[in-house]
Amino acid sequence: MSSLPLTLNLADGSVSFSFSPQAARELKSAIEEFMVSLKAVAAKPTSGGSKVTPQPPLEYRFTGEIFLEVFCNPNIWPTPFAAKVLLTVRNVGIRLTTEAELTRLIEDINLYLEQAG
């Protein structure tokens, strides 16, 4: 059974790889949980000297035909719209590590899930 390839659009191109709809739903869920952390950081008071509790990073890993890792530290981005993720895609023959916009990653996953039905 061949699955529909997931295409992730990057700043200077794109990468496509075999990915299952179930794995895409799991990644989407992990990102949705992570958005809570990003919003908590964005809502921090700009003055008053009160410390904001550091939020946990997004650390998603998938192992199948390829290895996919998505990492993002919510404590360094002022808003969810500015956030970028470190993306690693590798298999036996190739390894790609790059930054990708979080909002673009979300759009690509949503498009993939629409196409996968």
Foldseek 3Di string as FASTA:
>chain_A
DFADWQWFAAPPGIDTDTDHLVVLVVVLVLVVVVQVQLVQLLPDDPDDPDDRDFDDWRWDWDDDQKIKTWIWGSNPDNHLQRTKIWIWIGHPPDIDTDIGRPVSRNVSSVVSNVVRD
